[in-house]
Amino acid sequence: MELIVNILSGTLLLAGAFFFLVGTIGLLRMPDVYSKMHATTKCDTLGAGLILLGLMVYSHGELDVAIKLFLVIVFIWLTNPTAAHIIAKADYNQKK
């Protein structure tokens, strides 16, 4: 059973790191602020969610750790789109 937990958590951690890498490449390659923001926001939200989900699996059923990690995931899901909206609005207002 421990082997399955380790494989599942490792897979989730690697998938999260992959999405962070894709977001970083998108940040470097995209031409304008809106494209960069889109690439990083989507990939960072998914990457962080997968990494934290992998840590939840790796916590071996410790409920207090799993609840805290879940709350961090919810916080990231709520704040990343809000931050992206504020960045886009600031760029739009600056170009006006």
N, C-alpha and C. Protein backbone atom coordinates (compact mmCIF):
# COMPACT_ATOMS: atom_id res chain seq x y z
N MET A 1 0.82 -1.20 0.00
CA MET A 1 0.00 0.00 0.00
C MET A 1 0.86 1.26 0.00
N GLU A 2 1.98 1.20 0.74
CA GLU A 2 2.85 2.37 0.81
C GLU A 2 3.48 2.66 -0.55
N LEU A 3 3.76 1.62 -1.31
CA LEU A 3 4.33 1.81 -2.65
C LEU A 3 3.36 2.55 -3.56
N ILE A 4 2.08 2.20 -3.48
CA ILE A 4 1.07 2.87 -4.30
C ILE A 4 0.95 4.35 -3.91
N VAL A 5 0.97 4.62 -2.62
CA VAL A 5 0.90 6.01 -2.14
C VAL A 5 2.10 6.80 -2.62
N ASN A 6 3.29 6.20 -2.54
CA ASN A 6 4.50 6.89 -2.99
C ASN A 6 4.48 7.14 -4.50
N ILE A 7 4.02 6.17 -5.27
CA ILE A 7 3.95 6.35 -6.72
C ILE A 7 2.93 7.43 -7.08
N LEU A 8 1.76 7.39 -6.44
CA LEU A 8 0.72 8.38 -6.73
C LEU A 8 1.16 9.79 -6.33
N SER A 9 1.74 9.92 -5.15
CA SER A 9 2.17 11.25 -4.72
C SER A 9 3.34 11.74 -5.57
N GLY A 10 4.25 10.87 -5.94
CA GLY A 10 5.35 11.26 -6.82
C GLY A 10 4.87 11.68 -8.19
N THR A 11 3.88 10.98 -8.71
CA THR A 11 3.31 11.34 -10.01
C THR A 11 2.64 12.71 -9.95
N LEU A 12 1.90 12.96 -8.90
CA LEU A 12 1.24 14.27 -8.75
C LEU A 12 2.27 15.39 -8.58
N LEU A 13 3.33 15.13 -7.83
CA LEU A 13 4.37 16.14 -7.66
C LEU A 13 5.08 16.44 -8.97
N LEU A 14 5.38 15.40 -9.74
CA LEU A 14 6.03 15.61 -11.04
C LEU A 14 5.11 16.33 -12.02
N ALA A 15 3.83 15.98 -12.00
CA ALA A 15 2.88 16.67 -12.88
C ALA A 15 2.77 18.15 -12.51
N GLY A 16 2.75 18.44 -11.23
CA GLY A 16 2.72 19.84 -10.79
C GLY A 16 3.97 20.59 -11.19
N ALA A 17 5.13 19.96 -11.05
CA ALA A 17 6.38 20.60 -11.47
C ALA A 17 6.39 20.82 -12.98
N PHE A 18 5.82 19.88 -13.73
CA PHE A 18 5.73 20.03 -15.18
C PHE A 18 4.91 21.26 -15.56
N PHE A 19 3.78 21.45 -14.89
CA PHE A 19 2.94 22.61 -15.20
C PHE A 19 3.61 23.91 -14.79
N PHE A 20 4.37 23.90 -13.70
CA PHE A 20 5.15 25.09 -13.36
C PHE A 20 6.18 25.39 -14.44
N LEU A 21 6.82 24.35 -14.96
CA LEU A 21 7.80 24.53 -16.04
C LEU A 21 7.15 25.09 -17.29
N VAL A 22 5.99 24.56 -17.66
CA VAL A 22 5.27 25.05 -18.83
C VAL A 22 4.87 26.52 -18.64
N GLY A 23 4.43 26.87 -17.45
CA GLY A 23 4.08 28.26 -17.18
C GLY A 23 5.28 29.19 -17.27
N THR A 24 6.43 28.72 -16.81
CA THR A 24 7.65 29.52 -16.90
C THR A 24 8.08 29.71 -18.34
N ILE A 25 8.00 28.65 -19.13
CA ILE A 25 8.33 28.76 -20.56
C ILE A 25 7.35 29.71 -21.25
N GLY A 26 6.08 29.62 -20.89
CA GLY A 26 5.09 30.55 -21.45
C GLY A 26 5.38 31.99 -21.08
N LEU A 27 5.83 32.19 -19.85
CA LEU A 27 6.18 33.54 -19.41
C LEU A 27 7.34 34.11 -20.23
N LEU A 28 8.29 33.27 -20.56
CA LEU A 28 9.45 33.74 -21.30
C LEU A 28 9.18 33.90 -22.79
N ARG A 29 8.26 33.13 -23.34
CA ARG A 29 8.07 33.12 -24.79
C ARG A 29 6.91 33.96 -25.31
N MET A 30 5.94 34.24 -24.47
CA MET A 30 4.77 34.98 -24.94
C MET A 30 5.11 36.45 -25.18
N PRO A 31 4.43 37.08 -26.16
CA PRO A 31 4.83 38.43 -26.57
C PRO A 31 4.33 39.57 -25.68
N ASP A 32 3.11 39.47 -25.16
CA ASP A 32 2.56 40.61 -24.42
C ASP A 32 2.14 40.20 -23.01
N VAL A 33 1.76 41.19 -22.23
CA VAL A 33 1.43 40.97 -20.83
C VAL A 33 0.24 40.03 -20.66
N TYR A 34 -0.76 40.17 -21.51
CA TYR A 34 -1.97 39.36 -21.36
C TYR A 34 -1.71 37.88 -21.65
N SER A 35 -0.93 37.61 -22.65
CA SER A 35 -0.58 36.21 -22.96
C SER A 35 0.28 35.62 -21.86
N LYS A 36 1.24 36.39 -21.38
CA LYS A 36 2.10 35.92 -20.29
C LYS A 36 1.28 35.64 -19.04
N MET A 37 0.36 36.55 -18.75
CA MET A 37 -0.48 36.40 -17.57
C MET A 37 -1.36 35.15 -17.69
N HIS A 38 -1.90 34.92 -18.87
CA HIS A 38 -2.76 33.76 -19.08
C HIS A 38 -1.97 32.47 -18.88
N ALA A 39 -0.78 32.40 -19.47
CA ALA A 39 0.02 31.18 -19.36
C ALA A 39 0.43 30.91 -17.91
N THR A 40 0.89 31.93 -17.23
CA THR A 40 1.36 31.70 -15.87
C THR A 40 0.22 31.45 -14.89
N THR A 41 -0.89 32.14 -15.05
CA THR A 41 -2.00 31.96 -14.11
C THR A 41 -2.58 30.55 -14.20
N LYS A 42 -2.80 30.09 -15.40
CA LYS A 42 -3.38 28.76 -15.56
C LYS A 42 -2.43 27.68 -15.07
N CYS A 43 -1.18 27.78 -15.48
CA CYS A 43 -0.22 26.74 -15.12
C CYS A 43 0.15 26.78 -13.64
N ASP A 44 0.25 27.96 -13.06
CA ASP A 44 0.57 28.04 -11.64
C ASP A 44 -0.56 27.51 -10.77
N THR A 45 -1.78 27.80 -11.14
CA THR A 45 -2.91 27.30 -10.37
C THR A 45 -2.97 25.78 -10.42
N LEU A 46 -2.84 25.23 -11.61
CA LEU A 46 -2.88 23.77 -11.74
C LEU A 46 -1.64 23.12 -11.12
N GLY A 47 -0.48 23.71 -11.34
CA GLY A 47 0.75 23.15 -10.79
C GLY A 47 0.75 23.13 -9.27
N ALA A 48 0.35 24.23 -8.67
CA ALA A 48 0.30 24.29 -7.21
C ALA A 48 -0.76 23.33 -6.67
N GLY A 49 -1.89 23.24 -7.36
CA GLY A 49 -2.94 22.31 -6.93
C GLY A 49 -2.47 20.87 -6.97
N LEU A 50 -1.77 20.49 -8.04
CA LEU A 50 -1.28 19.12 -8.14
C LEU A 50 -0.19 18.83 -7.11
N ILE A 51 0.70 19.77 -6.89
CA ILE A 51 1.75 19.56 -5.89
C ILE A 51 1.14 19.43 -4.49
N LEU A 52 0.21 20.29 -4.16
CA LEU A 52 -0.42 20.20 -2.84
C LEU A 52 -1.27 18.94 -2.71
N LEU A 53 -1.90 18.52 -3.80
CA LEU A 53 -2.65 17.26 -3.77
C LEU A 53 -1.70 16.08 -3.56
N GLY A 54 -0.54 16.12 -4.21
CA GLY A 54 0.47 15.09 -3.99
C GLY A 54 0.95 15.06 -2.54
N LEU A 55 1.09 16.22 -1.94
CA LEU A 55 1.48 16.28 -0.53
C LEU A 55 0.36 15.76 0.37
N MET A 56 -0.90 15.99 -0.03
CA MET A 56 -2.02 15.45 0.74
C MET A 56 -1.99 13.92 0.71
N VAL A 57 -1.72 13.36 -0.46
CA VAL A 57 -1.64 11.90 -0.57
C VAL A 57 -0.47 11.38 0.26
N TYR A 58 0.65 12.09 0.22
CA TYR A 58 1.86 11.65 0.92
C TYR A 58 1.73 11.79 2.44
N SER A 59 0.78 12.56 2.92
CA SER A 59 0.63 12.76 4.36
C SER A 59 0.08 11.52 5.06
N HIS A 60 -0.26 10.48 4.32
CA HIS A 60 -0.69 9.18 4.86
C HIS A 60 -1.89 9.29 5.79
N GLY A 61 -2.87 10.08 5.39
CA GLY A 61 -4.12 10.12 6.12
C GLY A 61 -4.13 10.99 7.36
N GLU A 62 -3.12 11.81 7.56
CA GLU A 62 -3.15 12.75 8.68
C GLU A 62 -4.15 13.85 8.34
N LEU A 63 -5.26 13.84 9.03
CA LEU A 63 -6.38 14.70 8.67
C LEU A 63 -6.06 16.18 8.84
N ASP A 64 -5.34 16.54 9.88
CA ASP A 64 -5.03 17.96 10.09
C ASP A 64 -4.15 18.51 8.98
N VAL A 65 -3.19 17.73 8.52
CA VAL A 65 -2.32 18.16 7.41
C VAL A 65 -3.13 18.26 6.12
N ALA A 66 -3.98 17.27 5.87
CA ALA A 66 -4.78 17.27 4.65
C ALA A 66 -5.74 18.46 4.61
N ILE A 67 -6.33 18.80 5.73
CA ILE A 67 -7.25 19.94 5.77
C ILE A 67 -6.51 21.25 5.50
N LYS A 68 -5.34 21.41 6.10
CA LYS A 68 -4.55 22.62 5.87
C LYS A 68 -4.13 22.74 4.41
N LEU A 69 -3.69 21.63 3.82
CA LEU A 69 -3.30 21.67 2.42
C LEU A 69 -4.49 21.95 1.51
N PHE A 70 -5.64 21.40 1.85
CA PHE A 70 -6.85 21.68 1.07
C PHE A 70 -7.22 23.16 1.16
N LEU A 71 -7.09 23.74 2.33
CA LEU A 71 -7.39 25.17 2.47
C LEU A 71 -6.41 26.04 1.69
N VAL A 72 -5.16 25.61 1.60
CA VAL A 72 -4.19 26.33 0.78
C VAL A 72 -4.57 26.24 -0.69
N ILE A 73 -5.02 25.06 -1.13
CA ILE A 73 -5.46 24.90 -2.52
C ILE A 73 -6.63 25.84 -2.81
N VAL A 74 -7.61 25.89 -1.93
CA VAL A 74 -8.76 26.78 -2.12
C VAL A 74 -8.31 28.23 -2.15
N PHE A 75 -7.39 28.60 -1.27
CA PHE A 75 -6.87 29.98 -1.26
C PHE A 75 -6.19 30.32 -2.58
N ILE A 76 -5.40 29.40 -3.11
CA ILE A 76 -4.73 29.64 -4.39
C ILE A 76 -5.75 29.75 -5.51
N TRP A 77 -6.76 28.88 -5.50
CA TRP A 77 -7.79 28.93 -6.55
C TRP A 77 -8.57 30.25 -6.51
N LEU A 78 -8.69 30.85 -5.34
CA LEU A 78 -9.41 32.12 -5.24
C LEU A 78 -8.53 33.33 -5.54
N THR A 79 -7.27 33.27 -5.17
CA THR A 79 -6.42 34.46 -5.30
C THR A 79 -5.73 34.57 -6.65
N ASN A 80 -5.39 33.47 -7.30
CA ASN A 80 -4.70 33.57 -8.60
C ASN A 80 -5.53 34.29 -9.66
N PRO A 81 -6.80 33.94 -9.86
CA PRO A 81 -7.58 34.70 -10.85
C PRO A 81 -7.76 36.17 -10.46
N THR A 82 -7.90 36.43 -9.17
CA THR A 82 -8.04 37.81 -8.73
C THR A 82 -6.78 38.61 -9.00
N ALA A 83 -5.63 38.03 -8.72
CA ALA A 83 -4.36 38.70 -8.98
C ALA A 83 -4.17 38.92 -10.48
N ALA A 84 -4.54 37.95 -11.29
CA ALA A 84 -4.41 38.10 -12.74
C ALA A 84 -5.31 39.22 -13.25
N HIS A 85 -6.50 39.33 -12.70
CA HIS A 85 -7.41 40.40 -13.10
C HIS A 85 -6.84 41.77 -12.73
N ILE A 86 -6.28 41.87 -11.55
CA ILE A 86 -5.70 43.15 -11.12
C ILE A 86 -4.51 43.52 -11.99
N ILE A 87 -3.67 42.55 -12.34
CA ILE A 87 -2.52 42.82 -13.21
C ILE A 87 -2.99 43.27 -14.59
N ALA A 88 -3.99 42.59 -15.13
CA ALA A 88 -4.50 42.97 -16.45
C ALA A 88 -5.12 44.36 -16.42
N LYS A 89 -5.86 44.66 -15.38
CA LYS A 89 -6.48 45.98 -15.27
C LYS A 89 -5.43 47.08 -15.12
N ALA A 90 -4.38 46.81 -14.35
CA ALA A 90 -3.31 47.80 -14.18
C ALA A 90 -2.59 48.04 -15.50
N ASP A 91 -2.35 46.99 -16.27
CA ASP A 91 -1.70 47.16 -17.56
C ASP A 91 -2.60 47.92 -18.53
N TYR A 92 -3.88 47.62 -18.51
CA TYR A 92 -4.82 48.31 -19.38
C TYR A 92 -4.89 49.80 -19.03
N ASN A 93 -4.97 50.11 -17.75
CA ASN A 93 -5.04 51.51 -17.32
C ASN A 93 -3.75 52.26 -17.60
N GLN A 94 -2.63 51.57 -17.54
CA GLN A 94 -1.34 52.21 -17.81
C GLN A 94 -1.21 52.57 -19.28
N LYS A 95 -1.77 51.74 -20.16
CA LYS A 95 -1.68 51.99 -21.60
C LYS A 95 -2.69 53.03 -22.08
N LYS A 96 -3.66 53.35 -21.25
CA LYS A 96 -4.71 54.31 -21.62
C LYS A 96 -4.19 55.69 -21.83
